[in-house]
């Protein structure tokens, strides 16, 4: 699944907001994450992906394992809500 949101922040501010989002999602979905430049890479039980930040947008790419595929709508909704709270609504 791919979710993209435009932002109006400096890269450092966008990165801080993505970091807050990641902490929330890490707790919710038992994920681990680390930064590779302006890309946050995460993985956990049945999910992995990354968040890429540029000057205009934040793009989240998530690959769900077989066991989580049936929960994709709920997972997408939770991710979009958290992303909107940190990026789009900021």
C-alpha atoms as a PDB file:
ATOM      1  CA  UNK A   1       0.000   0.000   0.000  1.00  0.00           C
ATOM      2  CA  UNK A   2       1.235   3.485  -0.825  1.00  0.00           C
ATOM      3  CA  UNK A   3       0.071   6.605   0.987  1.00  0.00           C
ATOM      4  CA  UNK A   4       1.310  10.070   0.009  1.00  0.00           C
ATOM      5  CA  UNK A   5       0.650  13.395   1.716  1.00  0.00           C
ATOM      6  CA  UNK A   6       1.853  16.855   0.710  1.00  0.00           C
ATOM      7  CA  UNK A   7       3.485  18.962   3.408  1.00  0.00           C
ATOM      8  CA  UNK A   8       4.525  22.586   3.869  1.00  0.00           C
ATOM      9  CA  UNK A   9       7.431  21.988   6.272  1.00  0.00           C
ATOM     10  CA  UNK A  10      11.180  22.306   6.093  1.00  0.00           C
ATOM     11  CA  UNK A  11      12.775  18.860   5.743  1.00  0.00           C
ATOM     12  CA  UNK A  12      13.940  18.823   9.380  1.00  0.00           C
ATOM     13  CA  UNK A  13      10.437  19.629  10.613  1.00  0.00           C
ATOM     14  CA  UNK A  14       8.887  17.022   8.326  1.00  0.00           C
ATOM     15  CA  UNK A  15      11.393  14.469   9.608  1.00  0.00           C
ATOM     16  CA  UNK A  16      10.471  15.260  13.227  1.00  0.00           C
ATOM     17  CA  UNK A  17       6.786  14.824  12.415  1.00  0.00           C
ATOM     18  CA  UNK A  18       7.452  11.511  10.658  1.00  0.00           C
ATOM     19  CA  UNK A  19       9.452  10.420  13.693  1.00  0.00           C
ATOM     20  CA  UNK A  20       6.447  11.140  15.942  1.00  0.00           C
ATOM     21  CA  UNK A  21       4.194   9.242  13.550  1.00  0.00           C
ATOM     22  CA  UNK A  22       6.614   6.306  13.517  1.00  0.00           C
ATOM     23  CA  UNK A  23       6.709   6.099  17.308  1.00  0.00           C
ATOM     24  CA  UNK A  24       2.917   5.962  17.408  1.00  0.00           C
ATOM     25  CA  UNK A  25       2.754   3.261  14.729  1.00  0.00           C
ATOM     26  CA  UNK A  26       5.634   1.305  16.298  1.00  0.00           C
ATOM     27  CA  UNK A  27       3.654   0.953  19.519  1.00  0.00           C
ATOM     28  CA  UNK A  28       0.408   0.178  17.755  1.00  0.00           C
ATOM     29  CA  UNK A  29       1.795  -2.439  15.343  1.00  0.00           C
ATOM     30  CA  UNK A  30       4.971  -3.703  17.109  1.00  0.00           C
ATOM     31  CA  UNK A  31       7.353  -2.264  14.516  1.00  0.00           C
ATOM     32  CA  UNK A  32      11.040  -1.393  14.608  1.00  0.00           C
ATOM     33  CA  UNK A  33      12.405   1.494  12.573  1.00  0.00           C
ATOM     34  CA  UNK A  34      15.612   3.328  11.728  1.00  0.00           C
ATOM     35  CA  UNK A  35      16.608   6.252   9.528  1.00  0.00           C
ATOM     36  CA  UNK A  36      18.639   5.966   6.343  1.00  0.00           C
ATOM     37  CA  UNK A  37      19.091   9.598   5.313  1.00  0.00           C
ATOM     38  CA  UNK A  38      15.628  11.045   4.657  1.00  0.00           C
ATOM     39  CA  UNK A  39      14.107   7.568   4.516  1.00  0.00           C
ATOM     40  CA  UNK A  40      12.663   5.809   7.558  1.00  0.00           C
ATOM     41  CA  UNK A  41      12.763   2.028   7.177  1.00  0.00           C
ATOM     42  CA  UNK A  42      10.513  -0.125   9.352  1.00  0.00           C
ATOM     43  CA  UNK A  43       9.650  -3.776   9.848  1.00  0.00           C
ATOM     44  CA  UNK A  44       7.766  -5.902  12.285  1.00  0.00           C
ATOM     45  CA  UNK A  45       5.419  -8.821  12.606  1.00  0.00           C
ATOM     46  CA  UNK A  46       3.976  -9.182   9.123  1.00  0.00           C
ATOM     47  CA  UNK A  47       4.690  -5.668   7.880  1.00  0.00           C
ATOM     48  CA  UNK A  48       7.628  -3.791   6.440  1.00  0.00           C
ATOM     49  CA  UNK A  49       8.227  -0.708   4.379  1.00  0.00           C
ATOM     50  CA  UNK A  50       9.537   2.817   4.417  1.00  0.00           C
ATOM     51  CA  UNK A  51       8.647   6.467   4.662  1.00  0.00           C
ATOM     52  CA  UNK A  52      10.354   8.767   2.158  1.00  0.00           C
ATOM     53  CA  UNK A  53      10.480  12.511   2.769  1.00  0.00           C
ATOM     54  CA  UNK A  54      11.179  15.160   0.166  1.00  0.00           C
ATOM     55  CA  UNK A  55      10.634  18.918  -0.020  1.00  0.00           C
ATOM     56  CA  UNK A  56       6.985  18.541  -1.036  1.00  0.00           C
ATOM     57  CA  UNK A  57       5.590  15.293   0.344  1.00  0.00           C
ATOM     58  CA  UNK A  58       5.834  12.322   2.634  1.00  0.00           C
ATOM     59  CA  UNK A  59       5.245   8.933   1.046  1.00  0.00           C
ATOM     60  CA  UNK A  60       4.654   5.816   3.092  1.00  0.00           C
ATOM     61  CA  UNK A  61       5.069   2.406   1.451  1.00  0.00           C
ATOM     62  CA  UNK A  62       3.852  -0.625   3.369  1.00  0.00           C
ATOM     63  CA  UNK A  63       4.039  -4.296   2.431  1.00  0.00           C
ATOM     64  CA  UNK A  64       1.818  -6.542   4.490  1.00  0.00           C
ATOM     65  CA  UNK A  65       2.410 -10.221   4.987  1.00  0.00           C
ATOM     66  CA  UNK A  66      -0.246 -12.778   4.197  1.00  0.00           C
ATOM     67  CA  UNK A  67      -1.590 -12.867   7.750  1.00  0.00           C
ATOM     68  CA  UNK A  68      -2.264  -9.110   7.763  1.00  0.00           C
ATOM     69  CA  UNK A  69      -3.704  -8.749   4.257  1.00  0.00           C
ATOM     70  CA  UNK A  70      -7.259  -9.214   5.493  1.00  0.00           C
ATOM     71  CA  UNK A  71      -6.726  -6.310   7.912  1.00  0.00           C
ATOM     72  CA  UNK A  72      -5.444  -3.923   5.231  1.00  0.00           C
ATOM     73  CA  UNK A  73      -8.438  -1.520   5.349  1.00  0.00           C
ATOM     74  CA  UNK A  74      -8.146  -1.083   9.127  1.00  0.00           C
ATOM     75  CA  UNK A  75      -4.361  -0.748   8.958  1.00  0.00           C
ATOM     76  CA  UNK A  76      -4.604   1.793   6.111  1.00  0.00           C
ATOM     77  CA  UNK A  77      -7.144   3.804   8.090  1.00  0.00           C
ATOM     78  CA  UNK A  78      -4.932   3.856  11.203  1.00  0.00           C
ATOM     79  CA  UNK A  79      -1.882   4.891   9.176  1.00  0.00           C
ATOM     80  CA  UNK A  80      -3.761   7.618   7.280  1.00  0.00           C
ATOM     81  CA  UNK A  81      -5.201   9.015  10.505  1.00  0.00           C
ATOM     82  CA  UNK A  82      -1.785   9.144  12.157  1.00  0.00           C
ATOM     83  CA  UNK A  83      -0.123  10.583   9.041  1.00  0.00           C
ATOM     84  CA  UNK A  84      -2.816  13.256   8.690  1.00  0.00           C
ATOM     85  CA  UNK A  85      -2.424  14.235  12.338  1.00  0.00           C
ATOM     86  CA  UNK A  86       1.319  14.744  11.932  1.00  0.00           C
ATOM     87  CA  UNK A  87       1.735  15.923   8.334  1.00  0.00           C
ATOM     88  CA  UNK A  88      -1.327  16.984   6.388  1.00  0.00           C
ATOM     89  CA  UNK A  89      -3.069  18.823   9.202  1.00  0.00           C
ATOM     90  CA  UNK A  90       0.130  20.435  10.510  1.00  0.00           C
END
